[in-house]
Protein backbone atom coordinates (compact mmCIF):
# COMPACT_ATOMS: atom_id res chain seq x y z
CA MET A 1 196.22 82.22 72.18
CA GLU A 2 198.42 85.05 70.96
CA ASN A 3 201.53 83.01 71.11
CA ASN A 4 203.36 83.61 68.45
CA ALA A 5 206.39 81.24 69.06
CA LYS A 6 204.41 78.40 68.64
CA GLY A 7 202.37 79.66 65.82
CA SER A 8 201.19 82.61 64.09
CA GLN A 9 198.64 85.27 63.96
CA THR A 10 197.01 87.54 60.96
CA THR A 11 193.76 90.16 60.83
CA PRO A 12 190.60 88.41 58.67
CA PHE A 13 188.98 91.74 58.84
CA SER A 14 189.43 94.50 60.55
CA GLY A 15 189.20 94.57 63.88
CA GLY A 16 189.62 90.56 63.87
CA THR A 17 192.28 88.01 64.16
CA PHE A 18 193.52 84.15 63.59
CA SER A 19 195.62 82.88 65.76
CA THR A 20 196.88 79.51 65.87
CA TYR A 21 198.86 77.25 68.39
CA ASN A 22 200.88 74.24 67.28
CA TYR A 23 201.06 71.36 69.17
CA THR A 24 202.86 67.80 68.66
CA LEU A 25 201.23 65.06 70.60
CA THR A 26 203.41 62.59 72.15
CA ASN A 27 203.11 60.31 69.16
CA GLY A 28 204.12 62.59 66.90
CA ILE A 29 200.90 64.10 65.49
CA LYS A 30 201.13 67.36 64.82
CA ARG A 31 197.94 69.44 65.66
CA THR A 32 196.96 73.00 65.07
CA MET A 33 194.55 75.00 67.33
CA CYS A 34 192.92 78.07 64.73
CA VAL A 35 191.25 80.64 66.89
CA LEU A 36 188.93 82.90 65.48
CA VAL A 37 188.59 86.31 67.75
CA ASP A 38 185.92 89.55 67.29
CA ARG A 39 188.13 92.33 68.93
CA ASN A 40 185.45 94.86 67.63
CA ASP A 41 183.17 95.95 70.31
CA TYR A 42 179.54 94.51 71.18
CA THR A 43 176.94 97.42 72.36
CA TYR A 44 173.24 96.80 72.59
CA ALA A 45 170.46 98.84 73.39
CA GLY A 46 173.39 101.60 74.20
CA LYS A 47 175.59 99.76 76.62
CA ASN A 48 179.57 98.84 75.22
CA TYR A 49 180.06 95.40 77.17
CA ASP A 50 183.59 94.92 75.21
CA HIS A 51 184.86 93.22 72.56
CA LYS A 52 182.67 90.25 71.26
CA GLY A 53 184.94 87.88 71.69
CA ILE A 54 186.11 84.20 70.08
CA ILE A 55 183.57 83.37 67.17
CA THR A 56 184.97 79.92 66.90
CA ALA A 57 188.29 77.40 67.23
CA TYR A 58 189.33 74.33 66.03
CA TRP A 59 191.98 71.45 65.30
CA VAL A 60 193.54 70.69 62.02
CA ASN A 61 195.85 68.42 61.21
CA GLY A 62 199.95 68.74 60.49
CA HIS A 63 201.17 72.16 61.95
CA ILE A 64 199.51 75.13 59.49
CA LYS A 65 199.91 79.60 59.44
CA SER A 66 197.13 81.52 60.95
CA GLY A 67 196.12 83.00 56.68
CA GLU A 68 195.04 79.07 56.39
CA CYS A 69 192.57 78.41 59.10
CA SER A 70 189.50 80.05 57.34
CA GLY A 71 188.19 77.11 55.34
CA ARG A 72 189.90 73.88 56.83
CA ASP A 73 188.46 71.57 58.65
């Protein structure tokens, strides 16, 4: 997920990261997986359950950088 050789990474908010993974299908079609992760701690009822984790992940057409993921479908 954090393989910058195949994509990029940005920080959309404190503790959060958008990571990308660029992929080319065998027929030459280019796709990018966008993954938004919240690395802030998740605390409930006084107990810390580590970081919150993946918020969303989705494919987009073409090869894009992580800063272009937000608001794409």
